Amino acid sequence: MERTLVLLKPDAVQRDLVGDIISRLERKGLKLVGIKMMQLPADLLDVHYRHLVGRSFYPEIRSFMQRTPVIACCWQGADAVNTIRLLCGVTKAREAAPGTIRGELAMSVQANLIHCSDSLETAQAEVERFFKPDELFEYEDILETFIYSSGEQG
């Protein structure tokens, strides 16, 4: 089973959408294995968004991500990275498909409610960046047999 990072951004916190977003991921059948609220320090954001640091708009992104604490989550499931990306919708929320988190709940490129890892390699690095090993949990999901066929279970 894959593990991946989801950050519920300041707009999700301010708009009281944290529960709705988590509920959507749970209803899909993903397993929450780590969750915490945290204020993101500049150095962590600079590493996390290192591909954007030199861009003219990056200071606005960093400022936005520090407005309120975020909710960091680690989710687990078969094809979790791709599944969550599909559930989130495209980054430019106005263009996100109806039924996706961004398509239903957001309008912006920056204030698009949620960050999710874009590949399995990125997911592994991001989970390690935001969670210590003892903040992630292994436990039996008693509903797993109703979510996956026997060949898909981890």
C-alpha atoms as a PDB file:
ATOM      1  CA  MET A   1       0.000   0.000   0.000  1.00  0.00           C
ATOM      2  CA  GLU A   2       1.223   3.478  -0.850  1.00  0.00           C
ATOM      3  CA  ARG A   3       1.519   6.339   1.604  1.00  0.00           C
ATOM      4  CA  THR A   4       1.223   9.965   0.583  1.00  0.00           C
ATOM      5  CA  LEU A   5       1.141  13.448   2.048  1.00  0.00           C
ATOM      6  CA  VAL A   6      -1.841  15.778   2.060  1.00  0.00           C
ATOM      7  CA  LEU A   7      -1.667  19.312   3.441  1.00  0.00           C
ATOM      8  CA  LEU A   8      -4.936  21.055   4.175  1.00  0.00           C
ATOM      9  CA  LYS A   9      -3.966  24.633   3.454  1.00  0.00           C
ATOM     10  CA  PRO A  10      -4.849  27.799   5.391  1.00  0.00           C
ATOM     11  CA  ASP A  11      -7.921  28.407   3.223  1.00  0.00           C
ATOM     12  CA  ALA A  12      -9.302  24.975   4.161  1.00  0.00           C
ATOM     13  CA  VAL A  13      -8.726  25.784   7.847  1.00  0.00           C
ATOM     14  CA  GLN A  14     -10.242  29.282   7.608  1.00  0.00           C
ATOM     15  CA  ARG A  15     -13.248  28.138   5.585  1.00  0.00           C
ATOM     16  CA  ASP A  16     -14.022  25.272   8.003  1.00  0.00           C
ATOM     17  CA  LEU A  17     -13.582  22.644   5.275  1.00  0.00           C
ATOM     18  CA  VAL A  18     -11.100  20.376   7.077  1.00  0.00           C
ATOM     19  CA  GLY A  19     -13.749  17.861   8.143  1.00  0.00           C
ATOM     20  CA  ASP A  20     -15.387  17.800   4.722  1.00  0.00           C
ATOM     21  CA  ILE A  21     -12.091  17.188   2.928  1.00  0.00           C
ATOM     22  CA  ILE A  22     -10.995  14.469   5.361  1.00  0.00           C
ATOM     23  CA  SER A  23     -14.427  12.882   5.075  1.00  0.00           C
ATOM     24  CA  ARG A  24     -14.138  12.732   1.277  1.00  0.00           C
ATOM     25  CA  LEU A  25     -10.811  10.889   1.530  1.00  0.00           C
ATOM     26  CA  GLU A  26     -12.177   8.518   4.177  1.00  0.00           C
ATOM     27  CA  ARG A  27     -15.323   7.787   2.156  1.00  0.00           C
ATOM     28  CA  LYS A  28     -13.134   6.875  -0.816  1.00  0.00           C
ATOM     29  CA  GLY A  29     -11.611   4.139   1.341  1.00  0.00           C
ATOM     30  CA  LEU A  30      -8.214   5.693   2.105  1.00  0.00           C
ATOM     31  CA  LYS A  31      -6.712   5.025   5.518  1.00  0.00           C
ATOM     32  CA  LEU A  32      -5.528   7.936   7.677  1.00  0.00           C
ATOM     33  CA  VAL A  33      -2.225   6.897   9.277  1.00  0.00           C
ATOM     34  CA  GLY A  34      -0.935  10.279  10.480  1.00  0.00           C
ATOM     35  CA  ILE A  35      -2.419  13.700  11.198  1.00  0.00           C
ATOM     36  CA  LYS A  36      -1.271  16.872  12.944  1.00  0.00           C
ATOM     37  CA  MET A  37      -1.825  20.605  12.962  1.00  0.00           C
ATOM     38  CA  MET A  38       1.331  22.624  12.460  1.00  0.00           C
ATOM     39  CA  GLN A  39       2.550  26.117  11.734  1.00  0.00           C
ATOM     40  CA  LEU A  40       4.923  25.883   8.780  1.00  0.00           C
ATOM     41  CA  PRO A  41       8.312  27.553   9.303  1.00  0.00           C
ATOM     42  CA  ALA A  42       9.898  29.392   6.356  1.00  0.00           C
ATOM     43  CA  ASP A  43      12.780  26.921   6.079  1.00  0.00           C
ATOM     44  CA  LEU A  44      10.397  23.955   5.747  1.00  0.00           C
ATOM     45  CA  LEU A  45       8.372  25.796   3.104  1.00  0.00           C
ATOM     46  CA  ASP A  46      11.547  26.687   1.202  1.00  0.00           C
ATOM     47  CA  VAL A  47      12.474  23.004   1.032  1.00  0.00           C
ATOM     48  CA  HIS A  48       8.934  21.865   0.246  1.00  0.00           C
ATOM     49  CA  TYR A  49       8.502  24.431  -2.544  1.00  0.00           C
ATOM     50  CA  ARG A  50      12.148  24.489  -3.663  1.00  0.00           C
ATOM     51  CA  HIS A  51      11.027  24.243  -7.301  1.00  0.00           C
ATOM     52  CA  LEU A  52       9.261  27.621  -6.862  1.00  0.00           C
ATOM     53  CA  VAL A  53      11.656  29.502  -4.562  1.00  0.00           C
ATOM     54  CA  GLY A  54      13.200  31.640  -7.319  1.00  0.00           C
ATOM     55  CA  ARG A  55       9.867  32.565  -8.911  1.00  0.00           C
ATOM     56  CA  SER A  56       8.450  36.071  -8.465  1.00  0.00           C
ATOM     57  CA  PHE A  57       5.232  34.732  -6.911  1.00  0.00           C
ATOM     58  CA  TYR A  58       6.920  32.484  -4.339  1.00  0.00           C
ATOM     59  CA  PRO A  59       6.955  35.052  -1.474  1.00  0.00           C
ATOM     60  CA  GLU A  60       3.167  35.259  -1.763  1.00  0.00           C
ATOM     61  CA  ILE A  61       2.871  31.457  -1.599  1.00  0.00           C
ATOM     62  CA  ARG A  62       5.086  31.319   1.494  1.00  0.00           C
ATOM     63  CA  SER A  63       3.134  34.109   3.178  1.00  0.00           C
ATOM     64  CA  PHE A  64      -0.161  32.391   2.350  1.00  0.00           C
ATOM     65  CA  MET A  65       1.014  29.046   3.724  1.00  0.00           C
ATOM     66  CA  GLN A  66       2.017  30.739   7.004  1.00  0.00           C
ATOM     67  CA  ARG A  67      -1.255  32.637   7.601  1.00  0.00           C
ATOM     68  CA  THR A  68      -2.678  29.893   9.793  1.00  0.00           C
ATOM     69  CA  PRO A  69      -1.589  26.431  10.828  1.00  0.00           C
ATOM     70  CA  VAL A  70      -2.142  23.701   8.265  1.00  0.00           C
ATOM     71  CA  ILE A  71      -3.319  20.141   8.786  1.00  0.00           C
ATOM     72  CA  ALA A  72      -0.704  17.620   7.652  1.00  0.00           C
ATOM     73  CA  CYS A  73      -2.058  14.157   6.895  1.00  0.00           C
ATOM     74  CA  CYS A  74      -0.524  10.915   5.765  1.00  0.00           C
ATOM     75  CA  TRP A  75      -2.936   8.679   3.865  1.00  0.00           C
ATOM     76  CA  GLN A  76      -2.463   5.052   2.879  1.00  0.00           C
ATOM     77  CA  GLY A  77      -4.108   2.940   0.215  1.00  0.00           C
ATOM     78  CA  ALA A  78      -3.691   1.141  -3.082  1.00  0.00           C
ATOM     79  CA  ASP A  79      -2.498   3.718  -5.631  1.00  0.00           C
ATOM     80  CA  ALA A  80      -2.992   6.380  -2.940  1.00  0.00           C
ATOM     81  CA  VAL A  81      -0.888   9.037  -4.712  1.00  0.00           C
ATOM     82  CA  ASN A  82      -2.838   8.955  -7.967  1.00  0.00           C
ATOM     83  CA  THR A  83      -6.177   8.362  -6.268  1.00  0.00           C
ATOM     84  CA  ILE A  84      -5.814  11.471  -4.106  1.00  0.00           C
ATOM     85  CA  ARG A  85      -4.621  13.570  -7.053  1.00  0.00           C
ATOM     86  CA  LEU A  86      -7.753  12.569  -8.951  1.00  0.00           C
ATOM     87  CA  LEU A  87      -9.952  13.379  -5.950  1.00  0.00           C
ATOM     88  CA  CYS A  88      -8.307  16.810  -5.575  1.00  0.00           C
ATOM     89  CA  GLY A  89      -8.634  17.938  -9.170  1.00  0.00           C
ATOM     90  CA  VAL A  90      -6.255  20.194 -11.088  1.00  0.00           C
ATOM     91  CA  THR A  91      -4.267  22.899  -9.308  1.00  0.00           C
ATOM     92  CA  LYS A  92      -6.125  25.777 -10.982  1.00  0.00           C
ATOM     93  CA  ALA A  93      -9.310  25.193  -9.033  1.00  0.00           C
ATOM     94  CA  ARG A  94     -11.587  27.102 -11.448  1.00  0.00           C
ATOM     95  CA  GLU A  95     -10.721  24.449 -14.041  1.00  0.00           C
ATOM     96  CA  ALA A  96     -11.044  21.449 -11.730  1.00  0.00           C
ATOM     97  CA  ALA A  97     -13.709  18.922 -12.663  1.00  0.00           C
ATOM     98  CA  PRO A  98     -17.023  18.963 -10.827  1.00  0.00           C
ATOM     99  CA  GLY A  99     -17.019  16.366  -8.078  1.00  0.00           C
ATOM    100  CA  THR A 100     -13.368  16.931  -7.176  1.00  0.00           C
ATOM    101  CA  ILE A 101     -12.401  18.699  -3.961  1.00  0.00           C
ATOM    102  CA  ARG A 102     -11.100  21.750  -5.824  1.00  0.00           C
ATOM    103  CA  GLY A 103     -13.865  21.590  -8.427  1.00  0.00           C
ATOM    104  CA  GLU A 104     -16.541  21.705  -5.760  1.00  0.00           C
ATOM    105  CA  LEU A 105     -14.964  23.926  -3.125  1.00  0.00           C
ATOM    106  CA  ALA A 106     -12.272  26.241  -4.549  1.00  0.00           C
ATOM    107  CA  MET A 107     -11.718  29.005  -7.129  1.00  0.00           C
ATOM    108  CA  SER A 108      -8.006  29.853  -6.960  1.00  0.00           C
ATOM    109  CA  VAL A 109      -4.613  28.556  -8.041  1.00  0.00           C
ATOM    110  CA  GLN A 110      -3.047  29.397  -4.661  1.00  0.00           C
ATOM    111  CA  ALA A 111      -6.072  29.121  -2.385  1.00  0.00           C
ATOM    112  CA  ASN A 112      -6.964  25.689  -3.714  1.00  0.00           C
ATOM    113  CA  LEU A 113      -7.472  24.063  -0.292  1.00  0.00           C
ATOM    114  CA  ILE A 114      -5.133  21.116  -0.541  1.00  0.00           C
ATOM    115  CA  HIS A 115      -1.620  20.009  -1.417  1.00  0.00           C
ATOM    116  CA  CYS A 116      -1.059  16.411  -2.449  1.00  0.00           C
ATOM    117  CA  SER A 117       2.087  14.613  -3.519  1.00  0.00           C
ATOM    118  CA  ASP A 118       2.514  14.297  -7.286  1.00  0.00           C
ATOM    119  CA  SER A 119       4.426  10.994  -7.474  1.00  0.00           C
ATOM    120  CA  LEU A 120       5.350   8.021  -5.339  1.00  0.00           C
ATOM    121  CA  GLU A 121       8.930   9.317  -4.985  1.00  0.00           C
ATOM    122  CA  THR A 122       7.736  12.783  -3.985  1.00  0.00           C
ATOM    123  CA  ALA A 123       5.224  11.263  -1.574  1.00  0.00           C
ATOM    124  CA  GLN A 124       7.936   9.326   0.249  1.00  0.00           C
ATOM    125  CA  ALA A 125      10.128  12.436   0.589  1.00  0.00           C
ATOM    126  CA  GLU A 126       7.206  14.642   1.664  1.00  0.00           C
ATOM    127  CA  VAL A 127       5.904  12.194   4.259  1.00  0.00           C
ATOM    128  CA  GLU A 128       9.423  12.017   5.746  1.00  0.00           C
ATOM    129  CA  ARG A 129       9.654  15.841   5.640  1.00  0.00           C
ATOM    130  CA  PHE A 130       6.435  16.380   7.604  1.00  0.00           C
ATOM    131  CA  PHE A 131       6.233  13.313   9.869  1.00  0.00           C
ATOM    132  CA  LYS A 132       8.609  11.589  12.251  1.00  0.00           C
ATOM    133  CA  PRO A 133       8.377   7.771  12.125  1.00  0.00           C
ATOM    134  CA  ASP A 134       6.640   7.650  15.520  1.00  0.00           C
ATOM    135  CA  GLU A 135       3.899   9.993  14.226  1.00  0.00           C
ATOM    136  CA  LEU A 136       2.747   7.414  11.662  1.00  0.00           C
ATOM    137  CA  PHE A 137       0.665   4.430  12.666  1.00  0.00           C
ATOM    138  CA  GLU A 138       0.143   0.860  11.521  1.00  0.00           C
ATOM    139  CA  TYR A 139      -3.219  -0.575  12.513  1.00  0.00           C
ATOM    140  CA  GLU A 140      -5.766  -3.020  11.230  1.00  0.00           C
ATOM    141  CA  ASP A 141      -8.518  -1.487   9.152  1.00  0.00           C
ATOM    142  CA  ILE A 142     -11.441  -3.814   9.789  1.00  0.00           C
ATOM    143  CA  LEU A 143     -13.231  -2.520   6.679  1.00  0.00           C
ATOM    144  CA  GLU A 144     -10.355  -3.274   4.301  1.00  0.00           C
ATOM    145  CA  THR A 145     -12.033  -6.451   3.028  1.00  0.00           C
ATOM    146  CA  PHE A 146     -15.000  -4.295   1.974  1.00  0.00           C
ATOM    147  CA  ILE A 147     -12.768  -1.747   0.202  1.00  0.00           C
ATOM    148  CA  TYR A 148     -10.345  -3.986  -1.722  1.00  0.00           C
ATOM    149  CA  SER A 149     -10.468  -7.411  -3.286  1.00  0.00           C
ATOM    150  CA  SER A 150      -8.196  -9.984  -1.637  1.00  0.00           C
ATOM    151  CA  GLY A 151      -5.551  -9.480  -4.363  1.00  0.00           C
ATOM    152  CA  GLU A 152      -5.388  -5.727  -3.718  1.00  0.00           C
ATOM    153  CA  GLN A 153      -4.993  -5.828   0.064  1.00  0.00           C
ATOM    154  CA  GLY A 154      -1.601  -4.937   1.475  1.00  0.00           C
END
